[in-house]
C-alpha atoms as a PDB file:
ATOM      1  CA  MET A   1     287.642 112.447  71.831  1.00  0.00           C
ATOM      2  CA  ARG A   2     286.233 114.123  74.902  1.00  0.00           C
ATOM      3  CA  LEU A   3     282.827 115.793  74.831  1.00  0.00           C
ATOM      4  CA  THR A   4     284.610 119.099  75.471  1.00  0.00           C
ATOM      5  CA  GLU A   5     286.508 118.651  72.171  1.00  0.00           C
ATOM      6  CA  MET A   6     283.375 118.097  70.085  1.00  0.00           C
ATOM      7  CA  ALA A   7     282.175 121.155  68.142  1.00  0.00           C
ATOM      8  CA  ASN A   8     278.825 122.816  68.827  1.00  0.00           C
ATOM      9  CA  GLY A   9     276.237 121.235  66.528  1.00  0.00           C
ATOM     10  CA  ALA A  10     278.086 117.909  66.296  1.00  0.00           C
ATOM     11  CA  ALA A  11     276.754 114.573  67.522  1.00  0.00           C
ATOM     12  CA  GLY A  12     278.605 111.702  69.123  1.00  0.00           C
ATOM     13  CA  ARG A  13     278.079 108.340  70.770  1.00  0.00           C
ATOM     14  CA  VAL A  14     279.350 107.830  74.316  1.00  0.00           C
ATOM     15  CA  CYS A  15     282.182 105.278  74.345  1.00  0.00           C
ATOM     16  CA  ALA A  16     283.286 105.518  77.964  1.00  0.00           C
ATOM     17  CA  LEU A  17     282.910 107.442  81.192  1.00  0.00           C
ATOM     18  CA  GLU A  18     286.048 108.170  83.176  1.00  0.00           C
ATOM     19  CA  GLY A  19     286.582 109.240  86.752  1.00  0.00           C
ATOM     20  CA  ASP A  20     284.963 108.499  90.092  1.00  0.00           C
ATOM     21  CA  PRO A  21     282.596 105.494  89.821  1.00  0.00           C
ATOM     22  CA  GLU A  22     279.833 107.267  91.757  1.00  0.00           C
ATOM     23  CA  PHE A  23     280.004 110.294  89.478  1.00  0.00           C
ATOM     24  CA  CYS A  24     280.004 108.050  86.382  1.00  0.00           C
ATOM     25  CA  GLN A  25     276.869 106.365  87.712  1.00  0.00           C
ATOM     26  CA  ARG A  26     275.242 109.780  88.127  1.00  0.00           C
ATOM     27  CA  LEU A  27     276.093 110.611  84.497  1.00  0.00           C
ATOM     28  CA  ARG A  28     274.453 107.325  83.436  1.00  0.00           C
ATOM     29  CA  GLU A  29     271.326 108.206  85.423  1.00  0.00           C
ATOM     30  CA  MET A  30     271.183 111.552  83.600  1.00  0.00           C
ATOM     31  CA  GLY A  31     271.263 109.761  80.230  1.00  0.00           C
ATOM     32  CA  PHE A  32     274.981 109.998  79.407  1.00  0.00           C
ATOM     33  CA  GLY A  33     275.527 106.235  79.578  1.00  0.00           C
ATOM     34  CA  GLU A  34     277.687 104.198  77.242  1.00  0.00           C
ATOM     35  CA  SER A  35     276.247 104.091  73.683  1.00  0.00           C
ATOM     36  CA  ALA A  36     273.977 107.121  74.263  1.00  0.00           C
ATOM     37  CA  VAL A  37     273.858 109.600  71.373  1.00  0.00           C
ATOM     38  CA  ILE A  38     274.621 113.182  72.403  1.00  0.00           C
ATOM     39  CA  GLU A  39     274.347 116.390  70.413  1.00  0.00           C
ATOM     40  CA  ARG A  40     276.414 119.287  71.692  1.00  0.00           C
ATOM     41  CA  ILE A  41     274.199 122.346  71.294  1.00  0.00           C
ATOM     42  CA  SER A  42     276.318 125.169  72.675  1.00  0.00           C
ATOM     43  CA  GLY A  43     278.644 126.323  75.382  1.00  0.00           C
ATOM     44  CA  GLN A  44     282.243 126.781  76.378  1.00  0.00           C
ATOM     45  CA  GLY A  45     282.439 126.670  80.198  1.00  0.00           C
ATOM     46  CA  THR A  46     279.041 125.056  80.637  1.00  0.00           C
ATOM     47  CA  LEU A  47     277.971 122.786  77.783  1.00  0.00           C
ATOM     48  CA  LEU A  48     274.359 122.430  76.689  1.00  0.00           C
ATOM     49  CA  CYS A  49     273.678 118.979  75.248  1.00  0.00           C
ATOM     50  CA  LEU A  50     270.696 117.161  73.804  1.00  0.00           C
ATOM     51  CA  VAL A  51     270.312 113.628  75.170  1.00  0.00           C
ATOM     52  CA  SER A  52     267.175 111.541  74.536  1.00  0.00           C
ATOM     53  CA  HIS A  53     265.164 114.626  73.487  1.00  0.00           C
ATOM     54  CA  THR A  54     266.162 116.408  76.715  1.00  0.00           C
ATOM     55  CA  ARG A  55     268.468 119.407  77.017  1.00  0.00           C
ATOM     56  CA  LEU A  56     270.977 119.072  79.834  1.00  0.00           C
ATOM     57  CA  ALA A  57     273.776 121.365  80.966  1.00  0.00           C
ATOM     58  CA  LEU A  58     277.127 119.977  82.077  1.00  0.00           C
ATOM     59  CA  SER A  59     280.112 121.682  83.600  1.00  0.00           C
ATOM     60  CA  GLU A  60     283.307 121.544  81.585  1.00  0.00           C
ATOM     61  CA  GLY A  61     284.820 119.244  84.209  1.00  0.00           C
ATOM     62  CA  ALA A  62     281.959 116.764  83.905  1.00  0.00           C
ATOM     63  CA  ALA A  63     281.993 116.905  80.099  1.00  0.00           C
ATOM     64  CA  ARG A  64     285.743 116.205  80.110  1.00  0.00           C
ATOM     65  CA  GLN A  65     285.020 112.804  81.700  1.00  0.00           C
ATOM     66  CA  ILE A  66     282.800 111.695  78.788  1.00  0.00           C
ATOM     67  CA  VAL A  67     284.611 110.027  75.880  1.00  0.00           C
ATOM     68  CA  VAL A  68     282.666 110.075  72.605  1.00  0.00           C
ATOM     69  CA  GLU A  69     283.080 108.954  69.000  1.00  0.00           C
ATOM     70  CA  LEU A  70     281.970 111.498  66.430  1.00  0.00           C
ATOM     71  CA  ILE A  71     278.969 110.342  64.389  1.00  0.00           C
ATOM     72  CA  ARG A  72     278.013 113.669  62.774  1.00  0.00           C
ATOM     73  CA  SER A  73     280.090 116.792  62.249  1.00  0.00           C
ATOM     74  CA  ALA A  74     278.831 120.249  63.081  1.00  0.00           C
ATOM     75  CA  ARG A  75     276.353 121.647  60.590  1.00  0.00           C
END
């Protein structure tokens, strides 16, 4: 599933990054690399995520390029 499809409060592991290679590299540098665990905190247009104890905001377009596997449902 895409990060945009994950419910607020759920956690997932990054499986793949899709899109422009330079943009995917930038996502990796921000902590959204393959196998990273992400918690989606809130948001609809702009998503607030917790990655490695850091809160980061992503646009919906950027979040759509992150493919995750669900590891914990929303609370």
